[in-house]
Amino acid sequence: MKGVSIEERAINLAQYIIDSKDTVRGTAKKFGISKSTVHKDVSERLLEISPTLAFEVRKVLDENKAERHIRGGMATKLKYSHLHKKN
């Protein structure tokens, strides 16, 4: 995201998160930046740029946070599922 202002980057990240319902980690990977940068952009900087957009992103991030234990459990189940397969 070189050549893009911090404000534009924050708005682009916010729009992506809202549209895709992706996590901070997934968004960081998609845009090639750190999780810390994504989090700071959408949690702090966006509040000053566009409070309405910040509110929408916060709803998605809160939903992701509430569901993360389920995703973690599914990943663990998948990881160990090969141990219990019967031939």
N, C-alpha and C. Protein backbone atom coordinates (compact mmCIF):
# COMPACT_ATOMS: atom_id res chain seq x y z
N MET A 1 0.83 -1.19 0.00
CA MET A 1 0.00 0.00 0.00
C MET A 1 0.87 1.25 0.00
N LYS A 2 1.97 1.16 -0.69
CA LYS A 2 2.87 2.31 -0.79
C LYS A 2 2.24 3.37 -1.67
N GLY A 3 2.50 4.62 -1.34
CA GLY A 3 1.97 5.72 -2.11
C GLY A 3 0.57 6.12 -1.70
N VAL A 4 0.03 5.49 -0.66
CA VAL A 4 -1.32 5.79 -0.18
C VAL A 4 -1.18 6.47 1.18
N SER A 5 -1.94 7.52 1.40
CA SER A 5 -1.87 8.22 2.68
C SER A 5 -2.43 7.32 3.80
N ILE A 6 -2.06 7.64 5.01
CA ILE A 6 -2.53 6.86 6.17
C ILE A 6 -4.05 6.90 6.25
N GLU A 7 -4.63 8.05 5.96
CA GLU A 7 -6.09 8.19 6.01
C GLU A 7 -6.76 7.29 4.97
N GLU A 8 -6.22 7.32 3.75
CA GLU A 8 -6.78 6.47 2.69
C GLU A 8 -6.64 5.00 3.04
N ARG A 9 -5.47 4.63 3.59
CA ARG A 9 -5.23 3.25 3.98
C ARG A 9 -6.24 2.80 5.02
N ALA A 10 -6.48 3.65 6.02
CA ALA A 10 -7.44 3.31 7.08
C ALA A 10 -8.84 3.11 6.51
N ILE A 11 -9.23 3.95 5.60
CA ILE A 11 -10.55 3.83 4.97
C ILE A 11 -10.63 2.57 4.11
N ASN A 12 -9.57 2.29 3.35
CA ASN A 12 -9.54 1.08 2.52
C ASN A 12 -9.62 -0.19 3.38
N LEU A 13 -8.87 -0.20 4.47
CA LEU A 13 -8.90 -1.35 5.38
C LEU A 13 -10.29 -1.53 5.98
N ALA A 14 -10.88 -0.42 6.39
CA ALA A 14 -12.22 -0.47 6.99
C ALA A 14 -13.24 -1.02 6.01
N GLN A 15 -13.21 -0.51 4.78
CA GLN A 15 -14.16 -0.98 3.76
C GLN A 15 -13.98 -2.47 3.50
N TYR A 16 -12.73 -2.91 3.44
CA TYR A 16 -12.46 -4.33 3.21
C TYR A 16 -13.02 -5.19 4.34
N ILE A 17 -12.77 -4.76 5.58
CA ILE A 17 -13.25 -5.53 6.74
C ILE A 17 -14.77 -5.59 6.76
N ILE A 18 -15.42 -4.49 6.48
CA ILE A 18 -16.89 -4.44 6.47
C ILE A 18 -17.45 -5.33 5.36
N ASP A 19 -16.87 -5.23 4.17
CA ASP A 19 -17.38 -5.99 3.02
C ASP A 19 -17.13 -7.49 3.15
N SER A 20 -15.94 -7.85 3.64
CA SER A 20 -15.56 -9.27 3.67
C SER A 20 -15.80 -9.94 5.01
N LYS A 21 -16.03 -9.14 6.06
CA LYS A 21 -16.16 -9.67 7.44
C LYS A 21 -14.88 -10.39 7.86
N ASP A 22 -13.76 -10.00 7.28
CA ASP A 22 -12.48 -10.63 7.58
C ASP A 22 -11.93 -10.17 8.93
N THR A 23 -11.00 -10.93 9.46
CA THR A 23 -10.37 -10.61 10.74
C THR A 23 -9.23 -9.63 10.52
N VAL A 24 -8.71 -9.09 11.62
CA VAL A 24 -7.55 -8.20 11.55
C VAL A 24 -6.38 -8.96 10.94
N ARG A 25 -6.18 -10.19 11.38
CA ARG A 25 -5.08 -11.02 10.87
C ARG A 25 -5.23 -11.27 9.37
N GLY A 26 -6.44 -11.62 8.93
CA GLY A 26 -6.68 -11.86 7.52
C GLY A 26 -6.51 -10.61 6.68
N THR A 27 -6.96 -9.49 7.21
CA THR A 27 -6.82 -8.21 6.51
C THR A 27 -5.36 -7.84 6.37
N ALA A 28 -4.60 -8.03 7.44
CA ALA A 28 -3.17 -7.71 7.41
C ALA A 28 -2.46 -8.53 6.34
N LYS A 29 -2.79 -9.81 6.27
CA LYS A 29 -2.18 -10.69 5.28
C LYS A 29 -2.56 -10.26 3.86
N LYS A 30 -3.83 -9.93 3.67
CA LYS A 30 -4.32 -9.52 2.35
C LYS A 30 -3.62 -8.25 1.85
N PHE A 31 -3.40 -7.28 2.75
CA PHE A 31 -2.81 -6.00 2.37
C PHE A 31 -1.29 -5.96 2.55
N GLY A 32 -0.71 -7.03 3.12
CA GLY A 32 0.73 -7.08 3.27
C GLY A 32 1.29 -6.12 4.31
N ILE A 33 0.52 -5.89 5.37
CA ILE A 33 0.97 -5.02 6.46
C ILE A 33 0.79 -5.77 7.78
N SER A 34 1.28 -5.20 8.87
CA SER A 34 1.22 -5.89 10.15
C SER A 34 -0.17 -5.80 10.78
N LYS A 35 -0.45 -6.76 11.66
CA LYS A 35 -1.72 -6.74 12.40
C LYS A 35 -1.81 -5.48 13.24
N SER A 36 -0.70 -5.05 13.80
CA SER A 36 -0.69 -3.85 14.64
C SER A 36 -1.11 -2.62 13.84
N THR A 37 -0.63 -2.53 12.61
CA THR A 37 -0.98 -1.40 11.75
C THR A 37 -2.47 -1.43 11.42
N VAL A 38 -2.98 -2.59 11.07
CA VAL A 38 -4.41 -2.71 10.76
C VAL A 38 -5.23 -2.30 11.97
N HIS A 39 -4.87 -2.84 13.12
CA HIS A 39 -5.63 -2.55 14.34
C HIS A 39 -5.59 -1.06 14.67
N LYS A 40 -4.41 -0.45 14.60
CA LYS A 40 -4.29 0.98 14.92
C LYS A 40 -5.09 1.82 13.92
N ASP A 41 -5.01 1.45 12.63
CA ASP A 41 -5.74 2.21 11.61
C ASP A 41 -7.24 2.16 11.83
N VAL A 42 -7.78 0.97 12.08
CA VAL A 42 -9.24 0.86 12.16
C VAL A 42 -9.79 1.16 13.55
N SER A 43 -8.95 1.11 14.58
CA SER A 43 -9.44 1.36 15.93
C SER A 43 -9.21 2.79 16.40
N GLU A 44 -8.09 3.37 16.03
CA GLU A 44 -7.76 4.71 16.52
C GLU A 44 -7.87 5.78 15.44
N ARG A 45 -7.13 5.59 14.36
CA ARG A 45 -7.09 6.63 13.31
C ARG A 45 -8.44 6.83 12.66
N LEU A 46 -9.17 5.75 12.46
CA LEU A 46 -10.45 5.84 11.77
C LEU A 46 -11.48 6.63 12.57
N LEU A 47 -11.37 6.60 13.89
CA LEU A 47 -12.29 7.37 14.73
C LEU A 47 -12.22 8.86 14.42
N GLU A 48 -11.02 9.36 14.13
CA GLU A 48 -10.84 10.77 13.80
C GLU A 48 -11.26 11.08 12.36
N ILE A 49 -11.09 10.11 11.47
CA ILE A 49 -11.38 10.31 10.05
C ILE A 49 -12.87 10.16 9.77
N SER A 50 -13.44 9.05 10.24
CA SER A 50 -14.85 8.76 9.96
C SER A 50 -15.44 7.93 11.10
N PRO A 51 -16.03 8.59 12.09
CA PRO A 51 -16.60 7.86 13.23
C PRO A 51 -17.67 6.84 12.83
N THR A 52 -18.44 7.14 11.81
CA THR A 52 -19.48 6.22 11.35
C THR A 52 -18.86 4.94 10.81
N LEU A 53 -17.84 5.08 9.99
CA LEU A 53 -17.14 3.93 9.44
C LEU A 53 -16.46 3.14 10.56
N ALA A 54 -15.90 3.85 11.51
CA ALA A 54 -15.24 3.20 12.65
C ALA A 54 -16.24 2.36 13.44
N PHE A 55 -17.45 2.85 13.59
CA PHE A 55 -18.49 2.12 14.30
C PHE A 55 -18.85 0.83 13.57
N GLU A 56 -18.95 0.91 12.25
CA GLU A 56 -19.28 -0.27 11.44
C GLU A 56 -18.17 -1.33 11.55
N VAL A 57 -16.92 -0.89 11.50
CA VAL A 57 -15.80 -1.82 11.62
C VAL A 57 -15.79 -2.44 13.00
N ARG A 58 -16.07 -1.64 14.02
CA ARG A 58 -16.07 -2.15 15.40
C ARG A 58 -17.09 -3.27 15.55
N LYS A 59 -18.25 -3.14 14.90
CA LYS A 59 -19.26 -4.20 14.97
C LYS A 59 -18.73 -5.50 14.39
N VAL A 60 -18.06 -5.43 13.25
CA VAL A 60 -17.50 -6.63 12.62
C VAL A 60 -16.40 -7.23 13.50
N LEU A 61 -15.52 -6.39 14.01
CA LEU A 61 -14.41 -6.88 14.83
C LEU A 61 -14.93 -7.50 16.13
N ASP A 62 -15.96 -6.91 16.72
CA ASP A 62 -16.54 -7.49 17.93
C ASP A 62 -17.17 -8.85 17.65
N GLU A 63 -17.82 -8.95 16.50
CA GLU A 63 -18.42 -10.23 16.09
C GLU A 63 -17.33 -11.28 15.89
N ASN A 64 -16.24 -10.90 15.22
CA ASN A 64 -15.12 -11.82 15.01
C ASN A 64 -14.52 -12.26 16.34
N LYS A 65 -14.41 -11.32 17.26
CA LYS A 65 -13.83 -11.65 18.57
C LYS A 65 -14.73 -12.63 19.32
N ALA A 66 -16.02 -12.45 19.21
CA ALA A 66 -16.96 -13.34 19.89
C ALA A 66 -16.94 -14.75 19.31
N GLU A 67 -16.57 -14.86 18.03
CA GLU A 67 -16.58 -16.16 17.36
C GLU A 67 -15.22 -16.83 17.31
N ARG A 68 -14.17 -16.17 17.77
CA ARG A 68 -12.83 -16.72 17.56
C ARG A 68 -12.59 -18.04 18.28
N HIS A 69 -13.22 -18.23 19.43
CA HIS A 69 -13.03 -19.50 20.12
C HIS A 69 -13.62 -20.66 19.31
N ILE A 70 -14.65 -20.38 18.56
CA ILE A 70 -15.25 -21.41 17.71
C ILE A 70 -14.31 -21.74 16.55
N ARG A 71 -13.75 -20.70 15.91
CA ARG A 71 -12.81 -20.94 14.81
C ARG A 71 -11.58 -21.69 15.31
N GLY A 72 -11.11 -21.35 16.50
CA GLY A 72 -9.96 -22.04 17.08
C GLY A 72 -10.24 -23.51 17.33
N GLY A 73 -11.43 -23.79 17.84
CA GLY A 73 -11.83 -25.17 18.08
C GLY A 73 -11.94 -25.97 16.80
N MET A 74 -12.47 -25.34 15.77
CA MET A 74 -12.60 -26.01 14.47
C MET A 74 -11.21 -26.30 13.89
N ALA A 75 -10.29 -25.36 14.03
CA ALA A 75 -8.94 -25.56 13.51
C ALA A 75 -8.25 -26.71 14.25
N THR A 76 -8.43 -26.77 15.55
CA THR A 76 -7.83 -27.84 16.34
C THR A 76 -8.44 -29.18 15.95
N LYS A 77 -9.75 -29.22 15.78
CA LYS A 77 -10.42 -30.45 15.37
C LYS A 77 -9.89 -30.94 14.03
N LEU A 78 -9.74 -30.02 13.09
CA LEU A 78 -9.23 -30.37 11.78
C LEU A 78 -7.78 -30.86 11.87
N LYS A 79 -7.00 -30.21 12.68
CA LYS A 79 -5.59 -30.56 12.83
C LYS A 79 -5.42 -32.00 13.31
N TYR A 80 -6.25 -32.41 14.25
CA TYR A 80 -6.11 -33.73 14.84
C TYR A 80 -7.06 -34.78 14.27
N SER A 81 -7.86 -34.42 13.29
CA SER A 81 -8.84 -35.36 12.74
C SER A 81 -8.18 -36.56 12.07
N HIS A 82 -7.00 -36.39 11.53
CA HIS A 82 -6.33 -37.51 10.85
C HIS A 82 -5.90 -38.61 11.83
N LEU A 83 -5.79 -38.31 13.09
CA LEU A 83 -5.38 -39.31 14.10
C LEU A 83 -6.48 -40.33 14.39
N HIS A 84 -7.71 -39.94 14.17
CA HIS A 84 -8.84 -40.80 14.53
C HIS A 84 -9.53 -41.45 13.34
N LYS A 85 -8.97 -41.28 12.15
CA LYS A 85 -9.58 -41.89 10.97
C LYS A 85 -9.33 -43.39 10.98
N LYS A 86 -10.34 -44.13 10.61
CA LYS A 86 -10.22 -45.58 10.52
C LYS A 86 -10.10 -45.97 9.06
N ASN A 87 -9.22 -46.88 8.80
CA ASN A 87 -9.00 -47.30 7.40
C ASN A 87 -9.98 -48.34 6.96
